[in-house]
């Protein structure tokens, strides 16, 4: 009986070690991932450069297709995000690379 108990402890140890060695995922909850997306857009200096001649940025909104629109009083630029997952073998949240379209202004 004592040997059987020791065998169970060994198998339990193997099971725990295998669980710890499995790849981990650090995906953010959807509300935090969306916040990370808005932060990526708001932090992109190229957007400020694209709109600098057209006044201060007054808003950012997310479009139905998942892209974003950043605007001033009279102009806006479309912004798309490309998800950049953590490097293989590492754990961490997805980050985003921004691509800024051409400014569109009302006359």
C-alpha atoms as a PDB file:
ATOM      1  CA  UNK A   1       0.000   0.000   0.000  1.00  0.00           C
ATOM      2  CA  UNK A   2       2.821   2.382   0.806  1.00  0.00           C
ATOM      3  CA  UNK A   3       4.417   1.834  -2.594  1.00  0.00           C
ATOM      4  CA  UNK A   4       1.120   2.556  -4.312  1.00  0.00           C
ATOM      5  CA  UNK A   5       0.833   5.897  -2.459  1.00  0.00           C
ATOM      6  CA  UNK A   6       4.387   6.808  -3.513  1.00  0.00           C
ATOM      7  CA  UNK A   7       3.525   5.944  -7.130  1.00  0.00           C
ATOM      8  CA  UNK A   8       0.528   8.290  -6.991  1.00  0.00           C
ATOM      9  CA  UNK A   9       2.735  11.122  -5.729  1.00  0.00           C
ATOM     10  CA  UNK A  10       5.190  10.533  -8.560  1.00  0.00           C
ATOM     11  CA  UNK A  11       2.405  10.595 -11.155  1.00  0.00           C
ATOM     12  CA  UNK A  12       0.919  13.687  -9.558  1.00  0.00           C
ATOM     13  CA  UNK A  13       4.346  15.349  -9.740  1.00  0.00           C
ATOM     14  CA  UNK A  14       4.639  14.446 -13.430  1.00  0.00           C
ATOM     15  CA  UNK A  15       1.150  15.790 -14.122  1.00  0.00           C
ATOM     16  CA  UNK A  16       1.911  19.101 -12.410  1.00  0.00           C
ATOM     17  CA  UNK A  17       5.253  19.443 -14.203  1.00  0.00           C
ATOM     18  CA  UNK A  18       3.625  18.688 -17.558  1.00  0.00           C
ATOM     19  CA  UNK A  19       0.952  21.312 -16.898  1.00  0.00           C
ATOM     20  CA  UNK A  20       3.561  23.932 -16.035  1.00  0.00           C
ATOM     21  CA  UNK A  21       5.613  23.103 -19.120  1.00  0.00           C
ATOM     22  CA  UNK A  22       2.637  23.492 -21.479  1.00  0.00           C
ATOM     23  CA  UNK A  23       2.553  26.676 -23.548  1.00  0.00           C
ATOM     24  CA  UNK A  24       0.861  29.495 -21.701  1.00  0.00           C
ATOM     25  CA  UNK A  25      -1.447  32.094 -23.143  1.00  0.00           C
ATOM     26  CA  UNK A  26      -1.746  35.646 -21.896  1.00  0.00           C
ATOM     27  CA  UNK A  27      -4.566  36.880 -24.070  1.00  0.00           C
ATOM     28  CA  UNK A  28      -6.274  39.900 -22.622  1.00  0.00           C
ATOM     29  CA  UNK A  29      -9.961  39.958 -21.842  1.00  0.00           C
ATOM     30  CA  UNK A  30     -11.869  41.616 -24.721  1.00  0.00           C
ATOM     31  CA  UNK A  31     -12.450  44.916 -22.905  1.00  0.00           C
ATOM     32  CA  UNK A  32      -8.727  45.251 -22.137  1.00  0.00           C
ATOM     33  CA  UNK A  33      -7.732  44.234 -25.663  1.00  0.00           C
ATOM     34  CA  UNK A  34     -10.027  46.927 -27.072  1.00  0.00           C
ATOM     35  CA  UNK A  35      -8.420  49.452 -24.730  1.00  0.00           C
ATOM     36  CA  UNK A  36      -4.981  48.326 -25.992  1.00  0.00           C
ATOM     37  CA  UNK A  37      -6.221  48.950 -29.550  1.00  0.00           C
ATOM     38  CA  UNK A  38      -7.351  52.489 -28.718  1.00  0.00           C
ATOM     39  CA  UNK A  39      -4.044  53.120 -26.937  1.00  0.00           C
ATOM     40  CA  UNK A  40      -2.141  51.969 -30.035  1.00  0.00           C
ATOM     41  CA  UNK A  41      -4.120  54.408 -32.176  1.00  0.00           C
ATOM     42  CA  UNK A  42      -3.857  57.295 -29.705  1.00  0.00           C
ATOM     43  CA  UNK A  43      -0.123  56.712 -29.271  1.00  0.00           C
ATOM     44  CA  UNK A  44       0.757  56.652 -32.982  1.00  0.00           C
ATOM     45  CA  UNK A  45       2.740  59.839 -33.620  1.00  0.00           C
ATOM     46  CA  UNK A  46       2.224  59.473 -37.386  1.00  0.00           C
ATOM     47  CA  UNK A  47      -1.440  60.331 -36.863  1.00  0.00           C
ATOM     48  CA  UNK A  48      -0.589  63.621 -35.210  1.00  0.00           C
ATOM     49  CA  UNK A  49       1.823  64.322 -38.065  1.00  0.00           C
ATOM     50  CA  UNK A  50      -0.860  63.538 -40.673  1.00  0.00           C
ATOM     51  CA  UNK A  51      -3.347  65.885 -39.021  1.00  0.00           C
ATOM     52  CA  UNK A  52      -0.977  68.564 -37.719  1.00  0.00           C
ATOM     53  CA  UNK A  53      -1.931  71.095 -40.414  1.00  0.00           C
ATOM     54  CA  UNK A  54      -5.623  70.596 -39.696  1.00  0.00           C
ATOM     55  CA  UNK A  55      -5.913  71.440 -36.006  1.00  0.00           C
ATOM     56  CA  UNK A  56      -6.065  69.437 -32.817  1.00  0.00           C
ATOM     57  CA  UNK A  57      -7.328  65.869 -32.745  1.00  0.00           C
ATOM     58  CA  UNK A  58     -10.842  65.902 -31.322  1.00  0.00           C
ATOM     59  CA  UNK A  59     -11.857  62.251 -31.478  1.00  0.00           C
ATOM     60  CA  UNK A  60     -11.170  58.605 -32.218  1.00  0.00           C
ATOM     61  CA  UNK A  61     -13.821  56.055 -33.062  1.00  0.00           C
ATOM     62  CA  UNK A  62     -13.887  52.434 -34.109  1.00  0.00           C
ATOM     63  CA  UNK A  63     -15.571  51.616 -37.403  1.00  0.00           C
ATOM     64  CA  UNK A  64     -17.777  48.584 -38.083  1.00  0.00           C
ATOM     65  CA  UNK A  65     -14.994  46.928 -40.090  1.00  0.00           C
ATOM     66  CA  UNK A  66     -12.610  47.093 -37.111  1.00  0.00           C
ATOM     67  CA  UNK A  67     -10.588  50.045 -38.389  1.00  0.00           C
ATOM     68  CA  UNK A  68     -10.449  53.380 -36.597  1.00  0.00           C
ATOM     69  CA  UNK A  69     -11.058  56.970 -37.623  1.00  0.00           C
ATOM     70  CA  UNK A  70      -9.194  59.856 -36.020  1.00  0.00           C
ATOM     71  CA  UNK A  71     -10.479  63.345 -36.673  1.00  0.00           C
ATOM     72  CA  UNK A  72     -10.015  67.047 -36.156  1.00  0.00           C
ATOM     73  CA  UNK A  73     -12.693  69.695 -36.680  1.00  0.00           C
ATOM     74  CA  UNK A  74     -12.530  69.417 -40.493  1.00  0.00           C
ATOM     75  CA  UNK A  75     -10.362  66.387 -41.360  1.00  0.00           C
ATOM     76  CA  UNK A  76     -10.026  62.721 -40.557  1.00  0.00           C
ATOM     77  CA  UNK A  77      -7.633  59.850 -41.243  1.00  0.00           C
ATOM     78  CA  UNK A  78      -8.429  56.146 -41.341  1.00  0.00           C
ATOM     79  CA  UNK A  79      -6.233  53.927 -39.177  1.00  0.00           C
ATOM     80  CA  UNK A  80      -5.933  50.163 -39.431  1.00  0.00           C
ATOM     81  CA  UNK A  81      -4.300  47.900 -36.894  1.00  0.00           C
ATOM     82  CA  UNK A  82      -2.208  44.819 -37.497  1.00  0.00           C
ATOM     83  CA  UNK A  83      -2.069  42.424 -34.552  1.00  0.00           C
ATOM     84  CA  UNK A  84       1.479  41.522 -33.521  1.00  0.00           C
ATOM     85  CA  UNK A  85       1.409  38.440 -31.275  1.00  0.00           C
ATOM     86  CA  UNK A  86       4.143  37.858 -28.697  1.00  0.00           C
ATOM     87  CA  UNK A  87       7.302  36.197 -29.962  1.00  0.00           C
ATOM     88  CA  UNK A  88       7.088  32.426 -30.213  1.00  0.00           C
ATOM     89  CA  UNK A  89       7.843  30.811 -26.878  1.00  0.00           C
ATOM     90  CA  UNK A  90       7.072  33.949 -24.859  1.00  0.00           C
ATOM     91  CA  UNK A  91       4.013  35.007 -22.973  1.00  0.00           C
ATOM     92  CA  UNK A  92       2.428  38.417 -23.232  1.00  0.00           C
ATOM     93  CA  UNK A  93      -0.405  40.415 -24.723  1.00  0.00           C
ATOM     94  CA  UNK A  94      -0.894  41.087 -28.401  1.00  0.00           C
ATOM     95  CA  UNK A  95       0.442  44.463 -29.485  1.00  0.00           C
ATOM     96  CA  UNK A  96      -0.659  46.428 -32.537  1.00  0.00           C
ATOM     97  CA  UNK A  97       1.072  48.092 -35.486  1.00  0.00           C
ATOM     98  CA  UNK A  98      -0.764  51.072 -36.968  1.00  0.00           C
ATOM     99  CA  UNK A  99      -1.180  51.969 -40.626  1.00  0.00           C
ATOM    100  CA  UNK A 100      -2.440  55.468 -41.323  1.00  0.00           C
ATOM    101  CA  UNK A 101      -4.380  56.315 -44.466  1.00  0.00           C
ATOM    102  CA  UNK A 102      -4.591  59.603 -46.313  1.00  0.00           C
ATOM    103  CA  UNK A 103      -6.253  62.580 -44.605  1.00  0.00           C
ATOM    104  CA  UNK A 104      -9.686  63.475 -45.901  1.00  0.00           C
ATOM    105  CA  UNK A 105     -10.898  67.045 -45.301  1.00  0.00           C
ATOM    106  CA  UNK A 106     -14.214  68.841 -45.734  1.00  0.00           C
ATOM    107  CA  UNK A 107     -13.960  71.918 -47.884  1.00  0.00           C
END
